[in-house]
Protein backbone atom coordinates (compact mmCIF):
# COMPACT_ATOMS: atom_id res chain seq x y z
CA MET A 1 133.14 84.63 101.91
CA PRO A 2 130.55 86.04 104.33
CA PRO A 3 130.31 84.33 107.73
CA GLN A 4 127.83 81.49 108.02
CA ILE A 5 124.99 82.14 110.45
CA SER A 6 123.30 79.20 112.13
CA SER A 7 119.55 78.93 112.48
CA THR A 8 119.94 79.53 116.23
CA GLN A 9 121.86 82.73 115.58
CA LYS A 10 119.26 83.85 113.02
CA LEU A 11 116.52 83.33 115.60
CA ARG A 12 118.52 85.31 118.14
CA TYR A 13 118.94 88.24 115.74
CA PHE A 14 115.27 88.11 114.77
CA ASN A 15 114.23 88.21 118.43
CA GLN A 16 116.65 91.07 119.10
CA TYR A 17 115.06 93.00 116.25
CA ARG A 18 111.56 92.38 117.62
CA ILE A 19 112.58 93.59 121.07
CA LEU A 20 114.42 96.71 119.94
CA LYS A 21 111.75 97.69 117.39
CA THR A 22 108.97 97.18 119.95
CA LEU A 23 110.81 99.30 122.50
CA TYR A 24 111.70 101.94 119.89
CA PHE A 25 108.09 102.64 118.92
CA ASN A 26 106.45 102.06 122.32
CA GLU A 27 108.90 103.21 125.00
CA PRO A 28 109.05 103.28 127.93
CA LEU A 29 108.39 99.60 128.58
CA SER A 30 109.33 97.21 131.36
CA ARG A 31 110.80 93.79 130.68
CA GLN A 32 107.42 92.31 131.57
CA GLU A 33 105.64 94.57 129.07
CA LEU A 34 108.21 93.71 126.38
CA SER A 35 107.53 90.07 127.13
CA ARG A 36 103.80 90.53 126.54
CA GLU A 37 104.33 92.55 123.36
CA THR A 38 106.82 90.13 121.77
CA ASN A 39 105.63 86.79 123.23
CA LEU A 40 109.15 86.18 124.52
CA SER A 41 109.91 85.21 128.11
CA VAL A 42 111.19 87.78 130.57
CA ALA A 43 114.36 85.71 130.90
CA THR A 44 114.91 85.86 127.12
CA ILE A 45 114.28 89.62 127.11
CA THR A 46 116.79 90.12 129.91
CA ASN A 47 119.39 88.00 128.14
CA LEU A 48 119.03 89.67 124.75
CA ILE A 49 119.14 93.30 125.96
CA THR A 50 122.27 92.92 128.09
CA THR A 51 124.62 94.08 125.31
CA TRP A 52 122.45 97.14 124.55
CA LEU A 53 122.40 98.10 128.23
CA ASP A 54 126.16 97.68 128.52
CA ARG A 55 126.76 99.86 125.45
CA GLY A 56 124.28 102.53 126.42
CA VAL A 57 121.78 101.99 123.59
CA ILE A 58 119.07 101.20 126.17
CA LEU A 59 118.75 102.94 129.52
CA GLU A 60 116.98 101.91 132.71
CA SER A 61 114.89 104.98 133.44
CA GLY A 62 113.31 104.48 136.82
CA THR A 63 110.68 102.17 138.22
CA VAL A 64 106.91 101.89 138.40
CA GLN A 65 104.93 100.14 141.08
CA SER A 66 103.25 96.93 139.95
CA LYS A 67 100.11 95.42 141.43
CA GLY A 68 101.05 92.97 144.13
CA GLY A 69 104.70 92.63 143.08
CA ARG A 70 108.07 94.29 143.07
CA PRO A 71 108.50 97.61 141.22
CA ARG A 72 109.24 97.20 137.53
CA VAL A 73 112.26 98.83 135.93
CA MET A 74 111.35 100.84 132.84
CA LEU A 75 113.49 100.77 129.69
CA THR A 76 113.99 103.57 127.17
CA LEU A 77 116.22 104.35 124.21
CA ASN A 78 119.19 106.63 124.86
CA ARG A 79 118.60 109.54 122.49
CA ALA A 80 122.13 110.81 123.04
CA TYR A 81 123.67 107.49 121.99
CA GLY A 82 124.15 108.50 118.38
CA ALA A 83 122.72 110.19 115.32
CA PHE A 84 121.42 109.37 111.86
CA VAL A 85 122.05 111.55 108.82
CA GLY A 86 119.47 111.64 106.04
CA ILE A 87 120.30 113.19 102.66
CA ASP A 88 117.63 113.97 100.08
CA LEU A 89 119.41 114.17 96.73
CA GLY A 90 116.70 115.86 94.71
CA GLU A 91 116.74 117.02 91.13
CA THR A 92 116.86 120.70 92.11
CA HIS A 93 118.47 120.61 95.57
CA ILE A 94 120.18 118.50 98.23
CA ARG A 95 118.69 118.50 101.72
CA PHE A 96 120.81 117.35 104.69
CA GLU A 97 119.20 116.45 108.03
CA LEU A 98 120.77 115.25 111.28
CA PHE A 99 118.43 113.22 113.52
CA ASP A 100 118.87 111.91 117.03
CA LEU A 101 118.23 108.26 117.83
CA LYS A 102 114.46 108.86 118.01
CA MET A 103 114.39 110.64 114.64
CA ASN A 104 114.01 114.16 116.00
CA SER A 105 115.63 116.63 113.63
CA GLN A 106 118.60 118.38 115.21
CA GLN A 107 120.13 120.22 112.28
CA SER A 108 119.39 120.81 108.59
CA ILE A 109 120.90 122.60 105.61
CA MET A 110 119.95 122.95 101.95
CA VAL A 111 122.25 123.07 98.92
CA TRP A 112 120.81 124.09 95.56
CA LEU A 113 121.73 122.42 92.28
CA THR A 114 121.97 124.08 88.89
CA ASN A 115 122.04 122.47 85.46
CA GLY A 116 125.80 122.89 85.40
CA ASP A 117 126.65 120.91 88.55
CA THR A 118 124.81 117.62 88.22
CA GLN A 119 127.71 115.54 86.94
CA PRO A 120 128.54 112.69 89.35
CA THR A 121 131.83 114.24 90.54
CA ASP A 122 130.10 117.57 91.18
CA VAL A 123 127.22 115.97 93.08
CA VAL A 124 129.60 113.86 95.20
CA ALA A 125 131.61 116.98 96.06
CA LYS A 126 128.43 118.81 97.10
CA ILE A 127 127.29 115.87 99.26
CA VAL A 128 130.66 115.66 101.02
CA ALA A 129 130.83 119.45 101.56
CA GLY A 130 127.21 119.57 102.77
CA TYR A 131 127.80 116.71 105.19
CA ARG A 132 130.84 118.46 106.65
CA GLU A 133 128.89 121.71 106.97
CA LEU A 134 126.00 119.90 108.67
CA LEU A 135 128.32 118.58 111.37
CA GLN A 136 130.13 121.86 112.02
CA THR A 137 127.46 123.22 114.36
CA ALA A 138 125.68 119.95 115.20
CA VAL A 139 125.12 118.69 118.74
CA PHE A 140 126.54 115.31 117.70
CA PRO A 141 130.21 114.96 116.68
CA GLU A 142 131.03 112.90 113.59
CA GLU A 143 132.08 109.87 115.61
CA LYS A 144 128.52 109.68 116.94
CA VAL A 145 127.03 109.37 113.42
CA ILE A 146 125.72 105.80 113.22
CA GLY A 147 125.27 106.04 109.46
CA ILE A 148 124.20 108.12 106.48
CA GLY A 149 121.18 107.33 104.32
CA ILE A 150 120.84 108.93 100.89
CA GLY A 151 117.68 109.03 98.80
CA VAL A 152 118.38 109.59 95.10
CA PRO A 153 116.15 109.96 92.02
CA GLY A 154 115.79 107.17 89.50
CA VAL A 155 116.58 103.46 89.71
CA VAL A 156 119.18 102.47 92.30
CA GLU A 157 121.02 99.22 92.92
CA ARG A 158 120.71 99.38 96.68
CA GLU A 159 123.35 96.85 97.69
CA GLY A 160 126.07 98.39 95.52
CA GLY A 161 124.94 101.99 95.83
CA ILE A 162 124.88 102.35 92.06
CA SER A 163 122.58 104.83 90.34
CA ILE A 164 121.39 102.67 87.46
CA PHE A 165 119.34 105.33 85.70
CA ALA A 166 118.63 108.97 86.54
CA PRO A 167 117.13 110.31 83.30
CA ASN A 168 117.06 113.99 84.23
CA TRP A 169 120.83 114.01 84.69
CA GLY A 170 121.75 111.40 82.09
CA TRP A 171 123.25 109.14 84.76
CA HIS A 172 123.79 105.48 83.86
CA ASN A 173 125.45 103.02 86.26
CA VAL A 174 127.11 105.67 88.43
CA SER A 175 128.95 104.10 91.40
CA LEU A 176 127.84 106.73 93.87
CA LEU A 177 128.65 104.69 96.98
CA THR A 178 132.23 103.98 95.90
CA LYS A 179 132.87 107.66 95.22
CA LEU A 180 131.41 108.76 98.56
CA LYS A 181 133.30 106.16 100.59
CA GLU A 182 136.55 107.72 99.42
CA ALA A 183 135.71 110.83 101.46
CA ILE A 184 133.31 109.69 104.23
CA SER A 185 134.05 106.97 106.77
CA ALA A 186 130.54 106.52 108.21
CA PRO A 187 128.41 103.62 106.90
CA ILE A 188 126.28 104.73 103.93
CA ILE A 189 123.10 103.26 102.46
CA ILE A 190 121.77 104.59 99.14
CA ASP A 191 118.28 103.92 97.83
CA ASN A 192 115.62 105.44 95.62
CA GLY A 193 114.19 108.55 97.28
CA ALA A 194 110.57 107.47 96.97
CA LYS A 195 111.28 104.13 98.64
CA ALA A 196 113.15 105.86 101.44
CA MET A 197 110.23 108.25 101.89
CA GLY A 198 107.83 105.30 102.07
CA LEU A 199 109.75 103.85 105.01
CA ALA A 200 109.42 107.14 106.89
CA GLU A 201 105.71 107.36 106.07
CA MET A 202 105.12 103.81 107.32
CA TRP A 203 106.92 104.38 110.62
CA PHE A 204 106.45 108.07 111.39
CA GLY A 205 103.65 109.36 109.16
CA GLY A 206 100.79 109.09 111.63
CA LYS A 207 99.31 105.67 112.22
CA PRO A 208 102.27 103.47 113.22
CA ASN A 209 103.22 100.55 111.02
CA ASN A 210 100.66 101.11 108.28
CA GLU A 211 101.32 97.84 106.47
CA HIS A 212 99.41 98.53 103.23
CA LEU A 213 100.56 101.94 102.11
CA ILE A 214 101.53 103.74 98.93
CA ALA A 215 103.66 106.84 99.37
CA LEU A 216 103.40 108.99 96.26
CA LEU A 217 106.35 111.32 95.67
CA LEU A 218 105.41 114.37 93.61
CA GLY A 219 108.16 116.76 92.58
CA THR A 220 110.16 117.30 89.43
CA GLY A 221 109.66 113.59 88.91
CA VAL A 222 107.03 111.18 90.20
CA GLY A 223 107.67 107.97 92.10
CA THR A 224 106.08 105.66 94.64
CA ALA A 225 106.93 103.39 97.50
CA ILE A 226 104.57 100.43 97.52
CA ILE A 227 104.35 98.82 100.94
CA SER A 228 102.53 95.54 101.37
CA GLU A 229 102.35 93.70 104.70
CA GLY A 230 104.95 96.07 106.09
CA GLU A 231 107.54 95.43 103.38
CA ILE A 232 108.64 97.75 100.57
CA GLN A 233 108.06 96.07 97.23
CA ARG A 234 111.32 96.31 95.27
CA GLY A 235 110.97 93.96 92.33
CA VAL A 236 113.89 92.06 90.80
CA THR A 237 116.15 95.09 90.25
CA ASN A 238 114.77 97.53 92.86
CA SER A 239 112.89 99.45 90.17
CA ALA A 240 109.38 98.65 91.38
CA GLY A 241 107.41 101.83 91.99
CA GLU A 242 108.45 103.87 88.94
CA PHE A 243 104.88 105.13 88.78
CA GLY A 244 105.91 108.29 86.96
CA HIS A 245 106.87 106.23 83.94
CA THR A 246 103.63 104.33 83.57
CA THR A 247 101.76 105.30 80.42
CA LEU A 248 98.48 107.19 80.53
CA ASP A 249 98.30 108.32 76.91
CA ILE A 250 100.08 106.38 74.17
CA ASN A 251 99.99 109.47 71.96
CA GLY A 252 100.81 111.87 74.77
CA ARG A 253 103.70 114.08 75.71
CA SER A 254 107.27 112.95 75.21
CA CYS A 255 108.98 111.93 78.43
CA ARG A 256 112.63 112.33 79.40
CA CYS A 257 112.78 108.54 79.93
CA GLY A 258 112.30 108.08 76.19
CA GLY A 259 108.67 107.04 76.49
CA GLN A 260 105.50 108.86 75.59
CA GLY A 261 102.46 109.84 77.62
CA CYS A 262 104.03 108.96 81.01
CA ILE A 263 102.12 110.22 84.04
CA GLU A 264 105.18 112.27 85.03
CA THR A 265 104.70 114.43 81.93
CA TYR A 266 101.34 115.58 83.32
CA VAL A 267 101.68 115.64 87.13
CA GLY A 268 105.40 116.32 87.67
CA ALA A 269 106.41 119.98 88.04
CA PRO A 270 107.60 120.42 84.42
CA GLY A 271 104.37 118.82 83.18
CA ILE A 272 102.19 121.13 85.26
CA ILE A 273 104.15 124.12 84.00
CA GLN A 274 103.68 122.89 80.41
CA THR A 275 99.93 122.65 81.05
CA LEU A 276 99.95 126.23 82.31
CA GLN A 277 101.86 127.39 79.22
CA THR A 278 99.35 125.65 76.96
CA ILE A 279 96.35 127.21 78.72
CA ASN A 280 97.80 130.71 78.97
CA PRO A 281 101.30 131.29 77.56
CA GLU A 282 101.19 134.90 78.79
CA SER A 283 100.22 134.03 82.35
CA PRO A 284 102.10 136.03 85.03
CA LEU A 285 102.29 132.76 86.97
CA LEU A 286 105.09 131.75 84.58
CA HIS A 287 107.36 134.60 85.66
CA GLY A 288 109.13 132.58 88.36
CA THR A 289 112.78 131.71 87.91
CA SER A 290 112.45 128.06 88.97
CA GLN A 291 109.99 125.18 89.14
CA LEU A 292 109.51 125.84 92.85
CA ASP A 293 108.64 129.50 92.19
CA ILE A 294 106.06 128.70 89.52
CA ILE A 295 104.38 125.89 91.48
CA ALA A 296 104.25 128.15 94.54
CA ALA A 297 102.66 130.88 92.39
CA ILE A 298 100.03 128.43 91.11
CA ALA A 299 99.24 127.37 94.70
CA THR A 300 98.89 130.98 95.85
CA ALA A 301 96.72 131.87 92.84
CA ALA A 302 94.50 128.84 93.44
CA GLU A 303 93.94 129.96 97.03
CA GLU A 304 92.83 133.31 95.63
CA LYS A 305 90.37 131.55 93.25
CA ASP A 306 92.36 132.44 90.11
CA GLU A 307 90.62 130.85 87.10
CA THR A 308 93.80 129.87 85.23
CA ALA A 309 95.28 128.20 88.30
CA ARG A 310 92.00 126.39 88.90
CA ILE A 311 91.95 124.97 85.35
CA VAL A 312 95.61 123.89 85.62
CA LEU A 313 94.97 122.04 88.86
CA GLN A 314 91.81 120.41 87.55
CA GLN A 315 93.57 119.12 84.43
CA THR A 316 96.47 117.87 86.56
CA ALA A 317 94.06 116.18 88.97
CA ASN A 318 92.34 114.41 86.06
CA TYR A 319 95.59 112.61 85.21
CA LEU A 320 96.60 112.11 88.82
CA GLY A 321 93.18 110.68 89.67
CA ALA A 322 93.35 108.17 86.84
CA GLY A 323 96.86 107.18 87.89
CA ILE A 324 95.93 106.79 91.55
CA ALA A 325 92.89 104.72 90.56
CA ASN A 326 95.27 102.39 88.70
CA LEU A 327 97.35 102.05 91.89
CA ILE A 328 94.23 101.31 93.92
CA ASN A 329 93.05 98.66 91.46
CA LEU A 330 96.50 97.04 91.31
CA TYR A 331 97.56 97.10 94.97
CA ASN A 332 94.45 97.62 97.13
CA PRO A 333 96.22 99.91 99.64
CA GLN A 334 94.81 101.09 102.94
CA THR A 335 96.37 104.55 102.58
CA ILE A 336 97.87 106.68 99.81
CA VAL A 337 100.06 109.56 100.95
CA LEU A 338 100.81 112.56 98.74
CA SER A 339 104.31 113.79 99.52
CA GLY A 340 107.35 115.47 98.01
CA TRP A 341 107.75 119.24 97.75
CA LEU A 342 105.07 119.51 95.05
CA GLY A 343 102.73 117.10 96.82
CA ASN A 344 103.00 119.14 100.01
CA GLN A 345 102.16 122.37 98.19
CA LEU A 346 99.40 121.20 95.87
CA GLY A 347 98.18 118.20 97.86
CA PRO A 348 95.40 120.08 99.71
CA PHE A 349 93.91 121.16 96.36
CA PHE A 350 94.16 117.63 94.98
CA LEU A 351 92.36 116.21 98.02
CA GLU A 352 89.33 118.31 97.05
CA LEU A 353 89.48 117.34 93.36
CA LEU A 354 90.33 113.64 93.55
CA PRO A 355 87.26 111.95 95.17
CA PRO A 356 84.96 112.03 92.10
CA LEU A 357 87.85 110.91 89.89
CA ILE A 358 88.68 107.97 92.17
CA GLU A 359 85.01 107.03 92.19
CA LYS A 360 84.97 107.20 88.39
CA TYR A 361 88.15 105.22 87.66
CA ALA A 362 88.76 102.88 90.63
CA LEU A 363 86.88 99.69 91.37
CA PRO A 364 84.18 100.46 93.95
CA GLN A 365 85.29 98.24 96.84
CA PRO A 366 89.04 99.06 96.98
CA GLY A 367 88.35 102.67 96.01
CA ALA A 368 85.92 103.14 98.89
CA ILE A 369 88.32 101.91 101.59
CA THR A 370 91.44 103.74 100.41
CA HIS A 371 92.25 106.84 102.43
CA ILE A 372 94.17 109.55 100.55
CA LYS A 373 96.00 112.19 102.58
CA VAL A 374 98.83 114.72 102.40
CA SER A 375 102.00 113.75 104.24
CA SER A 376 102.35 115.02 107.79
CA LEU A 377 106.14 114.84 107.59
CA GLY A 378 106.60 118.03 105.60
CA ASP A 379 109.49 118.85 103.29
CA ASN A 380 111.99 116.60 105.04
CA SER A 381 110.10 113.35 104.39
CA ILE A 382 112.75 112.02 101.98
CA ALA A 383 115.62 113.02 104.27
CA MET A 384 113.81 111.35 107.17
CA GLY A 385 113.22 108.31 104.99
CA ALA A 386 116.89 108.19 104.04
CA ALA A 387 117.84 108.31 107.72
CA SER A 388 115.24 105.58 108.34
CA LEU A 389 117.25 103.30 106.04
CA ILE A 390 120.03 103.49 108.64
CA LEU A 391 117.53 103.13 111.49
CA GLU A 392 116.19 99.97 109.87
CA ASP A 393 119.68 98.45 109.80
CA PHE A 394 120.31 99.71 113.31
CA LEU A 395 117.24 97.88 114.59
CA HIS A 396 118.26 94.71 112.76
CA GLY A 397 121.89 95.08 113.86
CA THR A 398 123.05 92.49 111.35
CA ARG A 399 124.01 94.29 108.13
CA THR A 400 125.81 97.57 108.74
CA SER A 401 128.22 98.06 111.61
CA TRP A 402 127.16 100.16 114.57
CA ARG A 403 129.53 103.09 115.01
CA LEU A 404 130.30 103.95 118.61
CA SER A 405 132.46 106.68 120.07
CA SER A 406 134.89 103.97 121.10
CA GLY A 407 135.15 102.55 117.61
CA VAL A 408 133.19 100.30 115.28
CA VAL A 409 131.40 97.28 116.68
CA SER A 410 130.07 94.75 114.19
CA LEU A 411 127.06 92.73 115.30
CA ILE A 412 127.59 90.21 112.50
CA PRO A 413 129.03 86.97 113.93
CA GLN A 414 132.68 86.57 113.03
């Protein structure tokens, strides 16, 4: 039975989270400045940060002169305290990133997947081997890894780390977390890749703490993270945001999920390639050996004003625009971010094509205030989001244990 936490303890943990999160995103700050930002007394601030100072999570980094009073001691996060690992388990590749405490990338590697090595045992073996390789030349030893976040495609049971449904691989109820824990000792959190990406976009994607945001993941598949009032909307079974499997055409293309006319079949990489094949089956743009090659060729051709590429992108934008208008009408977001490897490549073209389509399909008022942009996080947005899952728990300090070089310290009351 889990330990019972009193209301006083809950308040203490909530206040600790407010302090650490405020310092994390606004450092350096004095105790007095933290007091103003959190509406907690200086005495409470001092009391609640003692453990972090003792353990080296927070450092006192000098003083600044105050008006008419004693110098104020400034507080910062210790970037050398530990590291987060983010793993982007994509449908064509696995990206591994090691981040310091302030989410600066320190090391990265890429492992490619083929159709023959996407069985659960094969994928687990590649994750374990990639993780070991990542640490071989890293500035942080393994004992400094606070935790590992993994973003995976499809529907994920977050608490149990179970891949409920990954249609491209035929995965159903795969206990990914259990298999990984047999080989890796660090704490692991597994979640849907789009949701992980949304957390990174909210915290690190430009304007801090954008509380009404939709992060749109465009790649082989299509997914979203829907963030409302600063919280990711998960639904009952953590499957909220499966935007790629919403229906645009009831008589449309067959989808790998078993449905028909899903938006993924038109704006995911295979759908765009199918559009290109329909328009011009002899196009030299189809000569690439992978999805990434062909999409890159389309992007290059579009920059050179190629007519076929232009038609492909316009047809894709027509479906994407209708889909985004549906999101705007449903959720009234402040910002929609185009991300994922395909979103990063084709996003600039879509930004030019989408405005008249949004005006046509979205309701005027929410459509007019929604800002659509391409992610500023680049190709590691999912890996950063996966690492942010660990950061989120680190800031809360109440769910996963904090790994220290001296051992494992649990912040959950015993």
